[in-house]
Amino acid sequence: MYYSAIGLLAALILLVENLDILAFGNKEFMTPSWTVYRRFLIAILVYYLTDIHLINFSTCTVFGLFYPHRAR
């Protein structure tokens, strides 16, 4: 469970630190280099979010934040 909390904290820090870059309405960051960096940040954010809600399809159990609430 602590592992998921760290991932959630990392995702929140990424959003807070890079909110101006991730906001699509800002004309200052519309150059091609910033677009590539924005896509990189979105990929990292998607990784964090999938890491928080990691699902094991073979046993149909949900790890991460839902691990303590699993069916026994």
PDB file of N, CA and C in Angstrom:
ATOM      1  N   MET A   1       0.822  -1.193   0.000  1.00  0.00           N
ATOM      2  CA  MET A   1       0.000   0.000   0.000  1.00  0.00           C
ATOM      3  C   MET A   1       0.868   1.261   0.000  1.00  0.00           C
ATOM      4  N   TYR A   2       1.996   1.226   0.705  1.00  0.00           N
ATOM      5  CA  TYR A   2       2.862   2.397   0.736  1.00  0.00           C
ATOM      6  C   TYR A   2       3.451   2.684  -0.641  1.00  0.00           C
ATOM      7  N   TYR A   3       3.687   1.627  -1.401  1.00  0.00           N
ATOM      8  CA  TYR A   3       4.211   1.794  -2.746  1.00  0.00           C
ATOM      9  C   TYR A   3       3.244   2.610  -3.594  1.00  0.00           C
ATOM     10  N   SER A   4       1.959   2.362  -3.474  1.00  0.00           N
ATOM     11  CA  SER A   4       0.956   3.117  -4.220  1.00  0.00           C
ATOM     12  C   SER A   4       0.866   4.554  -3.736  1.00  0.00           C
ATOM     13  N   ALA A   5       1.051   4.759  -2.453  1.00  0.00           N
ATOM     14  CA  ALA A   5       1.013   6.121  -1.922  1.00  0.00           C
ATOM     15  C   ALA A   5       2.175   6.946  -2.482  1.00  0.00           C
ATOM     16  N   ILE A   6       3.325   6.318  -2.650  1.00  0.00           N
ATOM     17  CA  ILE A   6       4.470   7.020  -3.221  1.00  0.00           C
ATOM     18  C   ILE A   6       4.199   7.368  -4.676  1.00  0.00           C
ATOM     19  N   GLY A   7       3.578   6.448  -5.427  1.00  0.00           N
ATOM     20  CA  GLY A   7       3.219   6.730  -6.814  1.00  0.00           C
ATOM     21  C   GLY A   7       2.212   7.854  -6.918  1.00  0.00           C
ATOM     22  N   LEU A   8       1.246   7.878  -6.020  1.00  0.00           N
ATOM     23  CA  LEU A   8       0.258   8.954  -6.006  1.00  0.00           C
ATOM     24  C   LEU A   8       0.912  10.288  -5.672  1.00  0.00           C
ATOM     25  N   LEU A   9       1.815  10.279  -4.726  1.00  0.00           N
ATOM     26  CA  LEU A   9       2.541  11.500  -4.372  1.00  0.00           C
ATOM     27  C   LEU A   9       3.398  11.985  -5.541  1.00  0.00           C
ATOM     28  N   ALA A  10       4.054  11.061  -6.244  1.00  0.00           N
ATOM     29  CA  ALA A  10       4.870  11.429  -7.399  1.00  0.00           C
ATOM     30  C   ALA A  10       4.013  12.021  -8.511  1.00  0.00           C
ATOM     31  N   ALA A  11       2.813  11.467  -8.732  1.00  0.00           N
ATOM     32  CA  ALA A  11       1.910  12.002  -9.753  1.00  0.00           C
ATOM     33  C   ALA A  11       1.440  13.406  -9.376  1.00  0.00           C
ATOM     34  N   LEU A  12       1.146  13.621  -8.109  1.00  0.00           N
ATOM     35  CA  LEU A  12       0.720  14.956  -7.667  1.00  0.00           C
ATOM     36  C   LEU A  12       1.856  15.971  -7.816  1.00  0.00           C
ATOM     37  N   ILE A  13       3.071  15.578  -7.474  1.00  0.00           N
ATOM     38  CA  ILE A  13       4.212  16.486  -7.627  1.00  0.00           C
ATOM     39  C   ILE A  13       4.438  16.811  -9.095  1.00  0.00           C
ATOM     40  N   LEU A  14       4.312  15.798  -9.965  1.00  0.00           N
ATOM     41  CA  LEU A  14       4.475  16.038 -11.397  1.00  0.00           C
ATOM     42  C   LEU A  14       3.438  17.043 -11.893  1.00  0.00           C
ATOM     43  N   LEU A  15       2.206  16.905 -11.440  1.00  0.00           N
ATOM     44  CA  LEU A  15       1.161  17.832 -11.879  1.00  0.00           C
ATOM     45  C   LEU A  15       1.391  19.242 -11.359  1.00  0.00           C
ATOM     46  N   VAL A  16       1.797  19.365 -10.113  1.00  0.00           N
ATOM     47  CA  VAL A  16       2.003  20.691  -9.530  1.00  0.00           C
ATOM     48  C   VAL A  16       3.195  21.395 -10.180  1.00  0.00           C
ATOM     49  N   GLU A  17       4.279  20.672 -10.352  1.00  0.00           N
ATOM     50  CA  GLU A  17       5.493  21.278 -10.904  1.00  0.00           C
ATOM     51  C   GLU A  17       5.368  21.625 -12.384  1.00  0.00           C
ATOM     52  N   ASN A  18       4.560  20.886 -13.134  1.00  0.00           N
ATOM     53  CA  ASN A  18       4.501  21.066 -14.579  1.00  0.00           C
ATOM     54  C   ASN A  18       3.124  21.473 -15.074  1.00  0.00           C
ATOM     55  N   LEU A  19       2.322  22.073 -14.227  1.00  0.00           N
ATOM     56  CA  LEU A  19       0.967  22.440 -14.612  1.00  0.00           C
ATOM     57  C   LEU A  19       0.955  23.466 -15.739  1.00  0.00           C
ATOM     58  N   ASP A  20       1.896  24.384 -15.735  1.00  0.00           N
ATOM     59  CA  ASP A  20       1.946  25.379 -16.804  1.00  0.00           C
ATOM     60  C   ASP A  20       2.303  24.759 -18.153  1.00  0.00           C
ATOM     61  N   ILE A  21       3.103  23.714 -18.141  1.00  0.00           N
ATOM     62  CA  ILE A  21       3.471  23.032 -19.384  1.00  0.00           C
ATOM     63  C   ILE A  21       2.341  22.124 -19.858  1.00  0.00           C
ATOM     64  N   LEU A  22       1.664  21.474 -18.915  1.00  0.00           N
ATOM     65  CA  LEU A  22       0.589  20.549 -19.279  1.00  0.00           C
ATOM     66  C   LEU A  22      -0.693  21.262 -19.689  1.00  0.00           C
ATOM     67  N   ALA A  23      -0.849  22.519 -19.299  1.00  0.00           N
ATOM     68  CA  ALA A  23      -2.035  23.280 -19.699  1.00  0.00           C
ATOM     69  C   ALA A  23      -1.915  23.620 -21.182  1.00  0.00           C
ATOM     70  N   PHE A  24      -2.897  23.215 -21.957  1.00  0.00           N
ATOM     71  CA  PHE A  24      -2.819  23.374 -23.408  1.00  0.00           C
ATOM     72  C   PHE A  24      -3.177  24.783 -23.882  1.00  0.00           C
ATOM     73  N   GLY A  25      -3.671  25.639 -23.014  1.00  0.00           N
ATOM     74  CA  GLY A  25      -4.049  26.980 -23.426  1.00  0.00           C
ATOM     75  C   GLY A  25      -2.904  27.976 -23.425  1.00  0.00           C
ATOM     76  N   ASN A  26      -1.755  27.597 -22.910  1.00  0.00           N
ATOM     77  CA  ASN A  26      -0.619  28.500 -22.806  1.00  0.00           C
ATOM     78  C   ASN A  26       0.139  28.553 -24.137  1.00  0.00           C
ATOM     79  N   LYS A  27       0.156  29.707 -24.776  1.00  0.00           N
ATOM     80  CA  LYS A  27       0.788  29.873 -26.096  1.00  0.00           C
ATOM     81  C   LYS A  27       2.316  29.815 -26.022  1.00  0.00           C
ATOM     82  N   GLU A  28       2.871  30.090 -24.854  1.00  0.00           N
ATOM     83  CA  GLU A  28       4.321  30.099 -24.699  1.00  0.00           C
ATOM     84  C   GLU A  28       4.928  28.705 -24.897  1.00  0.00           C
ATOM     85  N   PHE A  29       4.162  27.667 -24.575  1.00  0.00           N
ATOM     86  CA  PHE A  29       4.666  26.303 -24.651  1.00  0.00           C
ATOM     87  C   PHE A  29       4.109  25.545 -25.854  1.00  0.00           C
ATOM     88  N   MET A  30       3.827  26.234 -26.950  1.00  0.00           N
ATOM     89  CA  MET A  30       3.289  25.594 -28.145  1.00  0.00           C
ATOM     90  C   MET A  30       4.348  25.279 -29.199  1.00  0.00           C
ATOM     91  N   THR A  31       5.612  25.432 -28.872  1.00  0.00           N
ATOM     92  CA  THR A  31       6.673  25.103 -29.825  1.00  0.00           C
ATOM     93  C   THR A  31       6.832  23.581 -29.893  1.00  0.00           C
ATOM     94  N   PRO A  32       7.430  23.070 -30.977  1.00  0.00           N
ATOM     95  CA  PRO A  32       7.572  21.614 -31.109  1.00  0.00           C
ATOM     96  C   PRO A  32       8.362  20.951 -29.975  1.00  0.00           C
ATOM     97  N   SER A  33       9.367  21.616 -29.457  1.00  0.00           N
ATOM     98  CA  SER A  33      10.153  21.015 -28.375  1.00  0.00           C
ATOM     99  C   SER A  33       9.322  20.886 -27.096  1.00  0.00           C
ATOM    100  N   TRP A  34       8.507  21.893 -26.802  1.00  0.00           N
ATOM    101  CA  TRP A  34       7.644  21.804 -25.622  1.00  0.00           C
ATOM    102  C   TRP A  34       6.542  20.771 -25.821  1.00  0.00           C
ATOM    103  N   THR A  35       6.103  20.580 -27.052  1.00  0.00           N
ATOM    104  CA  THR A  35       5.088  19.568 -27.337  1.00  0.00           C
ATOM    105  C   THR A  35       5.639  18.165 -27.062  1.00  0.00           C
ATOM    106  N   VAL A  36       6.878  17.931 -27.455  1.00  0.00           N
ATOM    107  CA  VAL A  36       7.510  16.635 -27.175  1.00  0.00           C
ATOM    108  C   VAL A  36       7.663  16.436 -25.671  1.00  0.00           C
ATOM    109  N   TYR A  37       8.083  17.475 -24.971  1.00  0.00           N
ATOM    110  CA  TYR A  37       8.232  17.385 -23.518  1.00  0.00           C
ATOM    111  C   TYR A  37       6.882  17.167 -22.840  1.00  0.00           C
ATOM    112  N   ARG A  38       5.819  17.812 -23.341  1.00  0.00           N
ATOM    113  CA  ARG A  38       4.468  17.616 -22.794  1.00  0.00           C
ATOM    114  C   ARG A  38       4.030  16.164 -22.971  1.00  0.00           C
ATOM    115  N   ARG A  39       4.301  15.587 -24.134  1.00  0.00           N
ATOM    116  CA  ARG A  39       3.959  14.179 -24.368  1.00  0.00           C
ATOM    117  C   ARG A  39       4.746  13.263 -23.427  1.00  0.00           C
ATOM    118  N   PHE A  40       6.002  13.606 -23.173  1.00  0.00           N
ATOM    119  CA  PHE A  40       6.814  12.843 -22.232  1.00  0.00           C
ATOM    120  C   PHE A  40       6.211  12.900 -20.832  1.00  0.00           C
ATOM    121  N   LEU A  41       5.799  14.085 -20.403  1.00  0.00           N
ATOM    122  CA  LEU A  41       5.182  14.222 -19.077  1.00  0.00           C
ATOM    123  C   LEU A  41       3.872  13.454 -18.986  1.00  0.00           C
ATOM    124  N   ILE A  42       3.085  13.474 -20.052  1.00  0.00           N
ATOM    125  CA  ILE A  42       1.829  12.725 -20.058  1.00  0.00           C
ATOM    126  C   ILE A  42       2.109  11.224 -19.983  1.00  0.00           C
ATOM    127  N   ALA A  43       3.151  10.766 -20.665  1.00  0.00           N
ATOM    128  CA  ALA A  43       3.513   9.345 -20.602  1.00  0.00           C
ATOM    129  C   ALA A  43       3.936   8.943 -19.190  1.00  0.00           C
ATOM    130  N   ILE A  44       4.686   9.807 -18.528  1.00  0.00           N
ATOM    131  CA  ILE A  44       5.077   9.525 -17.147  1.00  0.00           C
ATOM    132  C   ILE A  44       3.848   9.505 -16.242  1.00  0.00           C
ATOM    133  N   LEU A  45       2.932  10.435 -16.441  1.00  0.00           N
ATOM    134  CA  LEU A  45       1.716  10.481 -15.631  1.00  0.00           C
ATOM    135  C   LEU A  45       0.861   9.235 -15.845  1.00  0.00           C
ATOM    136  N   VAL A  46       0.753   8.782 -17.075  1.00  0.00           N
ATOM    137  CA  VAL A  46       0.007   7.551 -17.356  1.00  0.00           C
ATOM    138  C   VAL A  46       0.676   6.364 -16.677  1.00  0.00           C
ATOM    139  N   TYR A  47       1.994   6.319 -16.692  1.00  0.00           N
ATOM    140  CA  TYR A  47       2.709   5.248 -15.997  1.00  0.00           C
ATOM    141  C   TYR A  47       2.395   5.273 -14.502  1.00  0.00           C
ATOM    142  N   TYR A  48       2.459   6.445 -13.890  1.00  0.00           N
ATOM    143  CA  TYR A  48       2.162   6.540 -12.461  1.00  0.00           C
ATOM    144  C   TYR A  48       0.738   6.074 -12.172  1.00  0.00           C
ATOM    145  N   LEU A  49      -0.210   6.480 -12.988  1.00  0.00           N
ATOM    146  CA  LEU A  49      -1.600   6.110 -12.740  1.00  0.00           C
ATOM    147  C   LEU A  49      -1.840   4.617 -12.938  1.00  0.00           C
ATOM    148  N   THR A  50      -1.191   4.013 -13.923  1.00  0.00           N
ATOM    149  CA  THR A  50      -1.348   2.571 -14.086  1.00  0.00           C
ATOM    150  C   THR A  50      -0.586   1.807 -13.024  1.00  0.00           C
ATOM    151  N   ASP A  51       0.471   2.391 -12.510  1.00  0.00           N
ATOM    152  CA  ASP A  51       1.229   1.742 -11.442  1.00  0.00           C
ATOM    153  C   ASP A  51       0.444   1.763 -10.139  1.00  0.00           C
ATOM    154  N   ILE A  52      -0.343   2.799  -9.925  1.00  0.00           N
ATOM    155  CA  ILE A  52      -1.160   2.884  -8.721  1.00  0.00           C
ATOM    156  C   ILE A  52      -2.266   1.838  -8.759  1.00  0.00           C
ATOM    157  N   HIS A  53      -2.877   1.626  -9.907  1.00  0.00           N
ATOM    158  CA  HIS A  53      -3.994   0.691 -10.043  1.00  0.00           C
ATOM    159  C   HIS A  53      -3.582  -0.519 -10.872  1.00  0.00           C
ATOM    160  N   LEU A  54      -2.525  -1.189 -10.461  1.00  0.00           N
ATOM    161  CA  LEU A  54      -2.037  -2.348 -11.184  1.00  0.00           C
ATOM    162  C   LEU A  54      -2.992  -3.518 -10.988  1.00  0.00           C
ATOM    163  N   ILE A  55      -3.477  -4.094 -12.074  1.00  0.00           N
ATOM    164  CA  ILE A  55      -4.428  -5.203 -12.014  1.00  0.00           C
ATOM    165  C   ILE A  55      -3.755  -6.466 -12.515  1.00  0.00           C
ATOM    166  N   ASN A  56      -3.865  -7.525 -11.749  1.00  0.00           N
ATOM    167  CA  ASN A  56      -3.353  -8.819 -12.162  1.00  0.00           C
ATOM    168  C   ASN A  56      -4.522  -9.599 -12.756  1.00  0.00           C
ATOM    169  N   PHE A  57      -4.581  -9.705 -14.076  1.00  0.00           N
ATOM    170  CA  PHE A  57      -5.719 -10.313 -14.738  1.00  0.00           C
ATOM    171  C   PHE A  57      -5.771 -11.827 -14.559  1.00  0.00           C
ATOM    172  N   SER A  58      -4.639 -12.465 -14.267  1.00  0.00           N
ATOM    173  CA  SER A  58      -4.642 -13.918 -14.141  1.00  0.00           C
ATOM    174  C   SER A  58      -5.355 -14.375 -12.874  1.00  0.00           C
ATOM    175  N   THR A  59      -5.270 -13.589 -11.809  1.00  0.00           N
ATOM    176  CA  THR A  59      -5.941 -13.973 -10.567  1.00  0.00           C
ATOM    177  C   THR A  59      -7.098 -13.045 -10.224  1.00  0.00           C
ATOM    178  N   CYS A  60      -7.353 -12.064 -11.073  1.00  0.00           N
ATOM    179  CA  CYS A  60      -8.439 -11.100 -10.878  1.00  0.00           C
ATOM    180  C   CYS A  60      -8.351 -10.383  -9.535  1.00  0.00           C
ATOM    181  N   THR A  61      -7.147 -10.058  -9.108  1.00  0.00           N
ATOM    182  CA  THR A  61      -6.970  -9.287  -7.885  1.00  0.00           C
ATOM    183  C   THR A  61      -6.448  -7.914  -8.243  1.00  0.00           C
ATOM    184  N   VAL A  62      -6.768  -6.972  -7.443  1.00  0.00           N
ATOM    185  CA  VAL A  62      -6.332  -5.599  -7.673  1.00  0.00           C
ATOM    186  C   VAL A  62      -5.312  -5.258  -6.600  1.00  0.00           C
ATOM    187  N   PHE A  63      -4.126  -4.839  -7.048  1.00  0.00           N
ATOM    188  CA  PHE A  63      -3.069  -4.460  -6.126  1.00  0.00           C
ATOM    189  C   PHE A  63      -3.038  -2.945  -5.995  1.00  0.00           C
ATOM    190  N   GLY A  64      -2.121  -2.472  -5.240  1.00  0.00           N
ATOM    191  CA  GLY A  64      -1.971  -1.029  -5.086  1.00  0.00           C
ATOM    192  C   GLY A  64      -2.845  -0.511  -3.969  1.00  0.00           C
ATOM    193  N   LEU A  65      -3.593   0.528  -4.244  1.00  0.00           N
ATOM    194  CA  LEU A  65      -4.417   1.148  -3.213  1.00  0.00           C
ATOM    195  C   LEU A  65      -5.532   0.230  -2.732  1.00  0.00           C
ATOM    196  N   PHE A  66      -5.958  -0.699  -3.590  1.00  0.00           N
ATOM    197  CA  PHE A  66      -7.067  -1.570  -3.229  1.00  0.00           C
ATOM    198  C   PHE A  66      -6.610  -2.889  -2.616  1.00  0.00           C
ATOM    199  N   TYR A  67      -5.317  -3.083  -2.436  1.00  0.00           N
ATOM    200  CA  TYR A  67      -4.800  -4.350  -1.938  1.00  0.00           C
ATOM    201  C   TYR A  67      -5.343  -4.722  -0.565  1.00  0.00           C
ATOM    202  N   PRO A  68      -5.431  -3.810   0.406  1.00  0.00           N
ATOM    203  CA  PRO A  68      -5.969  -4.202   1.718  1.00  0.00           C
ATOM    204  C   PRO A  68      -7.445  -4.591   1.675  1.00  0.00           C
ATOM    205  N   HIS A  69      -8.167  -4.193   0.652  1.00  0.00           N
ATOM    206  CA  HIS A  69      -9.599  -4.464   0.571  1.00  0.00           C
ATOM    207  C   HIS A  69      -9.925  -5.642  -0.329  1.00  0.00           C
ATOM    208  N   ARG A  70      -8.940  -6.472  -0.635  1.00  0.00           N
ATOM    209  CA  ARG A  70      -9.151  -7.588  -1.542  1.00  0.00           C
ATOM    210  C   ARG A  70     -10.020  -8.659  -0.895  1.00  0.00           C
ATOM    211  N   ALA A  71     -10.665  -9.473  -1.726  1.00  0.00           N
ATOM    212  CA  ALA A  71     -11.487 -10.574  -1.228  1.00  0.00           C
ATOM    213  C   ALA A  71     -10.578 -11.685  -0.734  1.00  0.00           C
ATOM    214  N   ARG A  72     -10.937 -12.251   0.369  1.00  0.00           N
ATOM    215  CA  ARG A  72     -10.095 -13.312   0.943  1.00  0.00           C
ATOM    216  C   ARG A  72     -10.768 -14.628   0.843  1.00  0.00           C
TER     217      ARG A  72
END
